[in-house]
Amino acid sequence: MINSFTLFLMGVLAVSEKDITQDYVFKHQGYWMHPSQQYVVQLSGCETGMCGTIAWVADTAVKHDVNNKEEELRGRPLCGLRIVDGLATDGHVNIYKGGEIYRTDTGGTTSVKASYFSSDEVQMHSYKGVSMVGDSQLWKRVVQKDYPPCTPAEPIAITYEDNSETVFDAINIIPSGGDPDITFNE
């Protein structure tokens, strides 16, 4: 004989990891101030779990990806740039793992783990290799209306030693031949 507790337990076990991830993403999505106070990142669900895109850039902040390790990407605007990708929960309510974060300060991508201390604070721990070693930042939730959406910076051109040129706009890298080569915002 099946009682109500057994039915409840069967229902709990039937919930997939994807459903759990979607529920927690909804709970933790929002707008988060980077500790540098130079930009706000919008964390939201995406095709790979939870992702983050720069949604606001301070007037005093650098507007382009000038620290990128790849010279040809240094002219792209930071506004609208996805810097967090693929965070997913393994069932723990407040911990997301398995993602990557692009660090605008170093110009490199590392693994990232997000730990929510409260509904208003998340620790973003970036690391290479072992998660016990790395750098942690505390991001604080902000209200979207206080940080109006950024407008991508004007394109800048990068000229290389061979006199070829790459021009950046908010959507595409346009090589000197004129045809878009790479799309940043899909």
C-alpha atoms as a PDB file:
ATOM      1  CA  MET A   1       0.000   0.000   0.000  1.00  0.00           C
ATOM      2  CA  ILE A   2       1.349   3.397  -1.018  1.00  0.00           C
ATOM      3  CA  ASN A   3       0.888   6.142   1.544  1.00  0.00           C
ATOM      4  CA  SER A   4       1.159   9.897   1.040  1.00  0.00           C
ATOM      5  CA  PHE A   5       4.743  10.002   2.373  1.00  0.00           C
ATOM      6  CA  THR A   6       5.854   7.453  -0.214  1.00  0.00           C
ATOM      7  CA  LEU A   7       4.207   9.513  -2.978  1.00  0.00           C
ATOM      8  CA  PHE A   8       5.919  12.633  -1.668  1.00  0.00           C
ATOM      9  CA  LEU A   9       9.305  10.883  -1.598  1.00  0.00           C
ATOM     10  CA  MET A  10       8.795   9.581  -5.147  1.00  0.00           C
ATOM     11  CA  GLY A  11       8.012  13.125  -6.286  1.00  0.00           C
ATOM     12  CA  VAL A  12      11.140  14.518  -4.669  1.00  0.00           C
ATOM     13  CA  LEU A  13      13.316  11.861  -6.270  1.00  0.00           C
ATOM     14  CA  ALA A  14      11.736  12.511  -9.668  1.00  0.00           C
ATOM     15  CA  VAL A  15      12.887  16.148  -9.745  1.00  0.00           C
ATOM     16  CA  SER A  16      15.741  16.403 -12.202  1.00  0.00           C
ATOM     17  CA  GLU A  17      18.985  18.288 -11.612  1.00  0.00           C
ATOM     18  CA  LYS A  18      17.990  20.652 -14.441  1.00  0.00           C
ATOM     19  CA  ASP A  19      14.769  21.528 -12.581  1.00  0.00           C
ATOM     20  CA  ILE A  20      16.755  22.158  -9.390  1.00  0.00           C
ATOM     21  CA  THR A  21      19.213  24.363 -11.269  1.00  0.00           C
ATOM     22  CA  GLN A  22      16.414  26.371 -12.911  1.00  0.00           C
ATOM     23  CA  ASP A  23      14.693  26.972  -9.555  1.00  0.00           C
ATOM     24  CA  TYR A  24      17.886  28.185  -7.897  1.00  0.00           C
ATOM     25  CA  VAL A  25      18.890  30.315 -10.889  1.00  0.00           C
ATOM     26  CA  PHE A  26      15.563  32.102 -10.615  1.00  0.00           C
ATOM     27  CA  LYS A  27      16.177  32.707  -6.902  1.00  0.00           C
ATOM     28  CA  HIS A  28      19.684  34.097  -7.404  1.00  0.00           C
ATOM     29  CA  GLN A  29      19.381  36.018 -10.638  1.00  0.00           C
ATOM     30  CA  GLY A  30      19.530  39.781 -10.537  1.00  0.00           C
ATOM     31  CA  TYR A  31      21.937  42.689 -10.658  1.00  0.00           C
ATOM     32  CA  TRP A  32      25.189  42.523  -8.732  1.00  0.00           C
ATOM     33  CA  MET A  33      27.785  45.246  -8.109  1.00  0.00           C
ATOM     34  CA  HIS A  34      31.334  44.179  -8.832  1.00  0.00           C
ATOM     35  CA  PRO A  35      33.597  45.022  -5.844  1.00  0.00           C
ATOM     36  CA  SER A  36      35.529  47.537  -7.960  1.00  0.00           C
ATOM     37  CA  GLN A  37      32.304  49.600  -8.092  1.00  0.00           C
ATOM     38  CA  GLN A  38      33.053  50.044 -11.807  1.00  0.00           C
ATOM     39  CA  TYR A  39      30.307  47.823 -13.209  1.00  0.00           C
ATOM     40  CA  VAL A  40      27.127  45.902 -12.483  1.00  0.00           C
ATOM     41  CA  VAL A  41      26.702  42.354 -13.733  1.00  0.00           C
ATOM     42  CA  GLN A  42      23.299  40.882 -14.522  1.00  0.00           C
ATOM     43  CA  LEU A  43      23.209  37.225 -13.453  1.00  0.00           C
ATOM     44  CA  SER A  44      20.461  35.224 -15.135  1.00  0.00           C
ATOM     45  CA  GLY A  45      19.647  31.815 -16.494  1.00  0.00           C
ATOM     46  CA  CYS A  46      21.127  30.897 -19.865  1.00  0.00           C
ATOM     47  CA  GLU A  47      21.604  27.829 -22.034  1.00  0.00           C
ATOM     48  CA  THR A  48      24.543  26.657 -19.876  1.00  0.00           C
ATOM     49  CA  GLY A  49      23.078  27.280 -16.390  1.00  0.00           C
ATOM     50  CA  MET A  50      23.659  30.757 -14.972  1.00  0.00           C
ATOM     51  CA  CYS A  51      25.509  33.467 -16.870  1.00  0.00           C
ATOM     52  CA  GLY A  52      26.490  37.061 -16.191  1.00  0.00           C
ATOM     53  CA  THR A  53      26.645  40.039 -18.532  1.00  0.00           C
ATOM     54  CA  ILE A  54      27.944  43.534 -17.812  1.00  0.00           C
ATOM     55  CA  ALA A  55      24.782  45.660 -17.649  1.00  0.00           C
ATOM     56  CA  TRP A  56      26.108  48.968 -16.276  1.00  0.00           C
ATOM     57  CA  VAL A  57      29.509  50.644 -16.481  1.00  0.00           C
ATOM     58  CA  ALA A  58      30.491  53.589 -14.253  1.00  0.00           C
ATOM     59  CA  ASP A  59      31.232  56.898 -15.941  1.00  0.00           C
ATOM     60  CA  THR A  60      34.793  56.752 -14.583  1.00  0.00           C
ATOM     61  CA  ALA A  61      35.418  53.142 -15.657  1.00  0.00           C
ATOM     62  CA  VAL A  62      37.433  51.908 -18.596  1.00  0.00           C
ATOM     63  CA  LYS A  63      34.909  51.219 -21.367  1.00  0.00           C
ATOM     64  CA  HIS A  64      36.897  48.697 -23.415  1.00  0.00           C
ATOM     65  CA  ASP A  65      38.509  45.332 -22.750  1.00  0.00           C
ATOM     66  CA  VAL A  66      42.009  46.864 -22.608  1.00  0.00           C
ATOM     67  CA  ASN A  67      43.522  44.126 -20.395  1.00  0.00           C
ATOM     68  CA  ASN A  68      42.556  41.217 -22.651  1.00  0.00           C
ATOM     69  CA  LYS A  69      45.451  38.799 -23.153  1.00  0.00           C
ATOM     70  CA  GLU A  70      44.413  38.503 -26.803  1.00  0.00           C
ATOM     71  CA  GLU A  71      45.548  41.753 -28.409  1.00  0.00           C
ATOM     72  CA  GLU A  72      42.877  41.604 -31.121  1.00  0.00           C
ATOM     73  CA  LEU A  73      40.108  41.716 -28.455  1.00  0.00           C
ATOM     74  CA  ARG A  74      41.349  44.756 -26.522  1.00  0.00           C
ATOM     75  CA  GLY A  75      39.061  47.179 -28.316  1.00  0.00           C
ATOM     76  CA  ARG A  76      35.761  45.446 -27.635  1.00  0.00           C
ATOM     77  CA  PRO A  77      33.287  47.287 -25.384  1.00  0.00           C
ATOM     78  CA  LEU A  78      32.742  45.943 -21.859  1.00  0.00           C
ATOM     79  CA  CYS A  79      29.055  46.910 -21.904  1.00  0.00           C
ATOM     80  CA  GLY A  80      27.068  43.805 -22.855  1.00  0.00           C
ATOM     81  CA  LEU A  81      30.054  41.481 -22.506  1.00  0.00           C
ATOM     82  CA  ARG A  82      29.253  38.069 -20.996  1.00  0.00           C
ATOM     83  CA  ILE A  83      31.804  37.529 -18.246  1.00  0.00           C
ATOM     84  CA  VAL A  84      30.219  34.622 -16.312  1.00  0.00           C
ATOM     85  CA  ASP A  85      29.197  31.421 -18.058  1.00  0.00           C
ATOM     86  CA  GLY A  86      28.012  27.949 -17.131  1.00  0.00           C
ATOM     87  CA  LEU A  87      27.454  28.116 -13.383  1.00  0.00           C
ATOM     88  CA  ALA A  88      25.283  25.227 -12.216  1.00  0.00           C
ATOM     89  CA  THR A  89      24.189  23.855  -8.863  1.00  0.00           C
ATOM     90  CA  ASP A  90      24.705  20.259  -7.871  1.00  0.00           C
ATOM     91  CA  GLY A  91      21.692  20.439  -5.588  1.00  0.00           C
ATOM     92  CA  HIS A  92      23.179  22.616  -2.861  1.00  0.00           C
ATOM     93  CA  VAL A  93      20.856  25.548  -2.361  1.00  0.00           C
ATOM     94  CA  ASN A  94      23.431  28.340  -2.376  1.00  0.00           C
ATOM     95  CA  ILE A  95      26.480  27.013  -4.252  1.00  0.00           C
ATOM     96  CA  TYR A  96      27.099  27.055  -7.998  1.00  0.00           C
ATOM     97  CA  LYS A  97      30.120  25.376  -9.616  1.00  0.00           C
ATOM     98  CA  GLY A  98      31.503  24.427 -12.981  1.00  0.00           C
ATOM     99  CA  GLY A  99      31.420  27.862 -14.532  1.00  0.00           C
ATOM    100  CA  GLU A 100      33.943  30.257 -15.964  1.00  0.00           C
ATOM    101  CA  ILE A 101      34.511  33.939 -15.301  1.00  0.00           C
ATOM    102  CA  TYR A 102      36.305  36.406 -17.520  1.00  0.00           C
ATOM    103  CA  ARG A 103      38.343  38.757 -15.348  1.00  0.00           C
ATOM    104  CA  THR A 104      38.395  42.218 -16.913  1.00  0.00           C
ATOM    105  CA  ASP A 105      41.210  43.242 -14.547  1.00  0.00           C
ATOM    106  CA  THR A 106      43.577  40.491 -15.714  1.00  0.00           C
ATOM    107  CA  GLY A 107      42.191  39.812 -19.177  1.00  0.00           C
ATOM    108  CA  GLY A 108      41.980  36.071 -18.541  1.00  0.00           C
ATOM    109  CA  THR A 109      39.330  33.415 -17.980  1.00  0.00           C
ATOM    110  CA  THR A 110      39.331  31.142 -14.930  1.00  0.00           C
ATOM    111  CA  SER A 111      37.027  28.629 -13.312  1.00  0.00           C
ATOM    112  CA  VAL A 112      34.497  30.106 -10.893  1.00  0.00           C
ATOM    113  CA  LYS A 113      32.441  28.976  -7.915  1.00  0.00           C
ATOM    114  CA  ALA A 114      29.625  31.178  -6.596  1.00  0.00           C
ATOM    115  CA  SER A 115      28.564  30.914  -2.959  1.00  0.00           C
ATOM    116  CA  TYR A 116      25.512  32.896  -1.874  1.00  0.00           C
ATOM    117  CA  PHE A 117      25.908  34.084   1.725  1.00  0.00           C
ATOM    118  CA  SER A 118      22.517  35.779   1.711  1.00  0.00           C
ATOM    119  CA  SER A 119      19.982  37.014  -0.814  1.00  0.00           C
ATOM    120  CA  ASP A 120      22.122  40.162  -1.156  1.00  0.00           C
ATOM    121  CA  GLU A 121      25.718  38.827  -1.200  1.00  0.00           C
ATOM    122  CA  VAL A 122      27.545  36.342  -3.391  1.00  0.00           C
ATOM    123  CA  GLN A 123      31.179  35.327  -3.167  1.00  0.00           C
ATOM    124  CA  MET A 124      32.674  34.756  -6.605  1.00  0.00           C
ATOM    125  CA  HIS A 125      35.756  32.550  -6.196  1.00  0.00           C
ATOM    126  CA  SER A 126      37.908  32.373  -9.327  1.00  0.00           C
ATOM    127  CA  TYR A 127      40.654  29.792  -9.624  1.00  0.00           C
ATOM    128  CA  LYS A 128      42.776  27.759 -11.999  1.00  0.00           C
ATOM    129  CA  GLY A 129      42.997  24.055 -11.283  1.00  0.00           C
ATOM    130  CA  VAL A 130      42.229  23.496  -7.590  1.00  0.00           C
ATOM    131  CA  SER A 131      39.408  25.564  -6.091  1.00  0.00           C
ATOM    132  CA  MET A 132      41.194  25.844  -2.718  1.00  0.00           C
ATOM    133  CA  VAL A 133      43.628  28.270  -4.342  1.00  0.00           C
ATOM    134  CA  GLY A 134      42.383  31.399  -6.022  1.00  0.00           C
ATOM    135  CA  ASP A 135      40.884  34.833  -5.555  1.00  0.00           C
ATOM    136  CA  SER A 136      37.510  35.663  -4.003  1.00  0.00           C
ATOM    137  CA  GLN A 137      35.370  38.731  -4.525  1.00  0.00           C
ATOM    138  CA  LEU A 138      32.189  39.714  -2.691  1.00  0.00           C
ATOM    139  CA  TRP A 139      29.486  40.985  -5.046  1.00  0.00           C
ATOM    140  CA  LYS A 140      26.480  42.822  -3.586  1.00  0.00           C
ATOM    141  CA  ARG A 141      22.974  42.862  -5.020  1.00  0.00           C
ATOM    142  CA  VAL A 142      21.797  46.223  -6.346  1.00  0.00           C
ATOM    143  CA  VAL A 143      18.472  47.541  -7.585  1.00  0.00           C
ATOM    144  CA  GLN A 144      18.314  47.713 -11.367  1.00  0.00           C
ATOM    145  CA  LYS A 145      16.572  51.097 -11.482  1.00  0.00           C
ATOM    146  CA  ASP A 146      19.561  52.671  -9.689  1.00  0.00           C
ATOM    147  CA  TYR A 147      21.884  51.534 -12.510  1.00  0.00           C
ATOM    148  CA  PRO A 148      20.391  52.290 -15.923  1.00  0.00           C
ATOM    149  CA  PRO A 149      21.456  49.929 -18.718  1.00  0.00           C
ATOM    150  CA  CYS A 150      24.770  50.857 -20.263  1.00  0.00           C
ATOM    151  CA  THR A 151      25.185  51.877 -23.854  1.00  0.00           C
ATOM    152  CA  PRO A 152      28.148  50.225 -25.569  1.00  0.00           C
ATOM    153  CA  ALA A 153      31.143  52.517 -25.935  1.00  0.00           C
ATOM    154  CA  GLU A 154      32.084  53.934 -29.298  1.00  0.00           C
ATOM    155  CA  PRO A 155      34.076  51.504 -31.409  1.00  0.00           C
ATOM    156  CA  ILE A 156      37.821  51.779 -31.296  1.00  0.00           C
ATOM    157  CA  ALA A 157      40.288  50.597 -33.875  1.00  0.00           C
ATOM    158  CA  ILE A 158      43.396  48.620 -33.122  1.00  0.00           C
ATOM    159  CA  THR A 159      46.175  48.972 -35.667  1.00  0.00           C
ATOM    160  CA  TYR A 160      48.775  46.225 -35.822  1.00  0.00           C
ATOM    161  CA  GLU A 161      52.428  46.419 -36.853  1.00  0.00           C
ATOM    162  CA  ASP A 162      51.554  45.209 -40.376  1.00  0.00           C
ATOM    163  CA  ASN A 163      49.148  48.209 -40.660  1.00  0.00           C
ATOM    164  CA  SER A 164      46.079  45.942 -40.683  1.00  0.00           C
ATOM    165  CA  GLU A 165      43.255  47.252 -38.548  1.00  0.00           C
ATOM    166  CA  THR A 166      40.395  45.800 -36.504  1.00  0.00           C
ATOM    167  CA  VAL A 167      37.433  48.006 -35.631  1.00  0.00           C
ATOM    168  CA  PHE A 168      35.164  47.047 -32.746  1.00  0.00           C
ATOM    169  CA  ASP A 169      31.517  47.904 -32.392  1.00  0.00           C
ATOM    170  CA  ALA A 170      29.008  46.672 -29.817  1.00  0.00           C
ATOM    171  CA  ILE A 171      28.126  43.559 -31.795  1.00  0.00           C
ATOM    172  CA  ASN A 172      30.933  42.602 -34.145  1.00  0.00           C
ATOM    173  CA  ILE A 173      34.646  42.664 -34.717  1.00  0.00           C
ATOM    174  CA  ILE A 174      34.990  44.100 -38.192  1.00  0.00           C
ATOM    175  CA  PRO A 175      38.372  43.405 -39.792  1.00  0.00           C
ATOM    176  CA  SER A 176      39.789  45.876 -42.285  1.00  0.00           C
ATOM    177  CA  GLY A 177      38.135  43.807 -45.058  1.00  0.00           C
ATOM    178  CA  GLY A 178      34.754  45.008 -43.764  1.00  0.00           C
ATOM    179  CA  ASP A 179      32.938  41.717 -43.149  1.00  0.00           C
ATOM    180  CA  PRO A 180      31.973  40.816 -39.566  1.00  0.00           C
ATOM    181  CA  ASP A 181      34.237  38.100 -38.240  1.00  0.00           C
ATOM    182  CA  ILE A 182      33.089  37.336 -34.694  1.00  0.00           C
ATOM    183  CA  THR A 183      29.768  38.083 -32.986  1.00  0.00           C
ATOM    184  CA  PHE A 184      29.931  38.915 -29.247  1.00  0.00           C
ATOM    185  CA  ASN A 185      26.263  39.399 -28.433  1.00  0.00           C
ATOM    186  CA  GLU A 186      23.916  36.798 -29.791  1.00  0.00           C
END
